[in-house]
Amino acid sequence: MSNCIFCKIVSGDIPSDKVLENDKFIAFHDLNPKAPVHILVIPKEHFQSFHEIPAETMKNMTPFIQEVAIKMGVEKSGYRLITNIGENGGQEVGHIHFHLFGGTKLKWEHLTDSDPKNLF
């Protein structure tokens, strides 16, 4: 059995507040939301990160993510979709996942009107 927390969610060993699920993907509410809408979207098959996911899986994941946005009511108002890749990219769970944020005007404070020299 995998020690991956997202694999345990997929298997049902750890409960989640599911938004949408099909045979290949699952979307669920983040336990520590950073926006009024904060959904995690993952493939059921384990891939470490975006750098490893096959193009065919991403092709199938795209309409699933779009369906999640519709179900959460943010497809017209707008949303942000983020995946972190590796340690320097901020990836905390070693299973590819996308954060879908929405439900408010989202800020990007660390990149807005800031001097890049102050970021590094």
Protein backbone atom coordinates (compact mmCIF):
# COMPACT_ATOMS: atom_id res chain seq x y z
CA MET A 1 0.00 0.00 0.00
CA SER A 2 1.25 3.45 -0.91
CA ASN A 3 2.09 6.01 1.76
CA CYS A 4 0.89 8.78 -0.57
CA ILE A 5 -1.95 10.68 1.09
CA PHE A 6 -3.69 11.29 -2.24
CA CYS A 7 -3.47 7.59 -3.17
CA LYS A 8 -5.13 6.86 0.19
CA ILE A 9 -7.91 9.32 -0.70
CA VAL A 10 -8.33 7.59 -4.08
CA SER A 11 -8.55 4.17 -2.39
CA GLY A 12 -11.05 5.44 0.20
CA ASP A 13 -8.70 4.82 3.14
CA ILE A 14 -8.84 8.56 3.92
CA PRO A 15 -12.17 10.36 3.53
CA SER A 16 -12.51 13.51 1.45
CA ASP A 17 -15.23 16.03 0.68
CA LYS A 18 -15.61 15.08 -2.98
CA VAL A 19 -16.79 17.54 -5.58
CA LEU A 20 -16.57 15.29 -8.64
CA GLU A 21 -15.23 11.86 -9.48
CA ASN A 22 -14.97 9.59 -12.48
CA ASP A 23 -12.94 6.48 -13.26
CA LYS A 24 -9.69 8.44 -13.83
CA PHE A 25 -9.87 11.59 -11.69
CA ILE A 26 -11.16 12.95 -8.41
CA ALA A 27 -11.73 16.48 -7.15
CA PHE A 28 -12.21 17.36 -3.49
CA HIS A 29 -12.21 20.35 -1.15
CA ASP A 30 -8.83 21.34 0.29
CA LEU A 31 -8.73 20.91 4.08
CA ASN A 32 -6.92 24.24 4.45
CA PRO A 33 -8.60 26.51 1.87
CA LYS A 34 -6.80 29.62 0.65
CA ALA A 35 -9.88 31.02 -1.16
CA PRO A 36 -13.67 30.65 -0.87
CA VAL A 37 -13.37 27.93 -3.53
CA HIS A 38 -10.25 25.77 -3.14
CA ILE A 39 -10.49 22.38 -4.81
CA LEU A 40 -7.74 19.82 -5.34
CA VAL A 41 -7.93 17.87 -8.61
CA ILE A 42 -5.86 14.71 -9.03
CA PRO A 43 -5.54 11.76 -11.34
CA LYS A 44 -6.32 8.47 -9.61
CA GLU A 45 -3.14 7.01 -11.06
CA HIS A 46 -0.03 8.07 -9.17
CA PHE A 47 2.34 10.46 -10.94
CA GLN A 48 4.94 12.34 -8.91
CA SER A 49 4.45 15.71 -10.60
CA PHE A 50 3.44 17.55 -13.74
CA HIS A 51 6.89 16.81 -15.14
CA GLU A 52 6.05 13.08 -15.21
CA ILE A 53 2.38 13.01 -16.24
CA PRO A 54 1.69 11.63 -19.73
CA ALA A 55 0.19 14.02 -22.28
CA GLU A 56 -2.75 11.64 -22.78
CA THR A 57 -3.64 11.88 -19.08
CA MET A 58 -3.52 15.69 -19.22
CA LYS A 59 -5.68 15.62 -22.36
CA ASN A 60 -8.32 13.70 -20.42
CA MET A 61 -7.87 15.75 -17.25
CA THR A 62 -8.58 19.08 -18.96
CA PRO A 63 -12.34 18.57 -19.48
CA PHE A 64 -12.60 17.10 -15.97
CA ILE A 65 -11.09 20.27 -14.47
CA GLN A 66 -13.40 22.40 -16.62
CA GLU A 67 -16.37 20.40 -15.29
CA VAL A 68 -15.19 21.01 -11.71
CA ALA A 69 -15.07 24.76 -12.40
CA ILE A 70 -18.63 24.64 -13.73
CA LYS A 71 -19.84 22.59 -10.77
CA MET A 72 -18.25 25.09 -8.36
CA GLY A 73 -19.82 28.02 -10.28
CA VAL A 74 -16.56 29.81 -11.13
CA GLU A 75 -16.30 29.14 -14.87
CA LYS A 76 -17.70 32.59 -15.76
CA SER A 77 -16.35 34.71 -12.90
CA GLY A 78 -12.88 33.21 -13.25
CA TYR A 79 -10.54 30.99 -11.34
CA ARG A 80 -6.88 30.17 -10.94
CA LEU A 81 -5.39 26.75 -11.64
CA ILE A 82 -2.00 25.98 -10.12
CA THR A 83 0.27 22.98 -9.86
CA ASN A 84 3.53 23.08 -7.94
CA ILE A 85 6.42 21.01 -9.25
CA GLY A 86 9.23 19.82 -7.01
CA GLU A 87 10.64 21.26 -3.82
CA ASN A 88 11.62 24.65 -5.25
CA GLY A 89 8.19 24.94 -6.88
CA GLY A 90 6.48 24.43 -3.53
CA GLN A 91 5.14 20.90 -4.10
CA GLU A 92 4.24 19.43 -0.69
CA VAL A 93 2.56 16.16 -1.75
CA GLY A 94 4.39 13.86 -4.18
CA HIS A 95 1.32 13.16 -6.31
CA ILE A 96 0.43 15.59 -9.10
CA HIS A 97 -2.43 17.81 -8.09
CA PHE A 98 -3.99 21.00 -9.31
CA HIS A 99 -5.34 23.67 -6.99
CA LEU A 100 -8.47 25.32 -8.37
CA PHE A 101 -9.00 28.65 -6.58
CA GLY A 102 -11.99 30.94 -7.07
CA GLY A 103 -15.01 32.57 -5.53
CA THR A 104 -13.35 35.98 -5.09
CA LYS A 105 -11.02 38.41 -6.84
CA LEU A 106 -7.72 36.60 -6.45
CA LYS A 107 -4.52 38.49 -5.72
CA TRP A 108 -0.99 37.64 -6.74
CA GLU A 109 0.74 39.91 -4.27
CA HIS A 110 4.23 38.47 -4.53
CA LEU A 111 4.32 39.29 -8.26
CA THR A 112 2.23 42.47 -8.42
CA ASP A 113 4.10 45.77 -8.45
CA SER A 114 7.13 44.22 -6.83
CA ASP A 115 10.77 44.52 -7.71
CA PRO A 116 11.99 41.08 -8.83
CA LYS A 117 15.32 41.72 -7.06
CA ASN A 118 13.44 41.64 -3.75
CA LEU A 119 11.96 38.20 -4.44
CA PHE A 120 15.21 36.24 -4.47
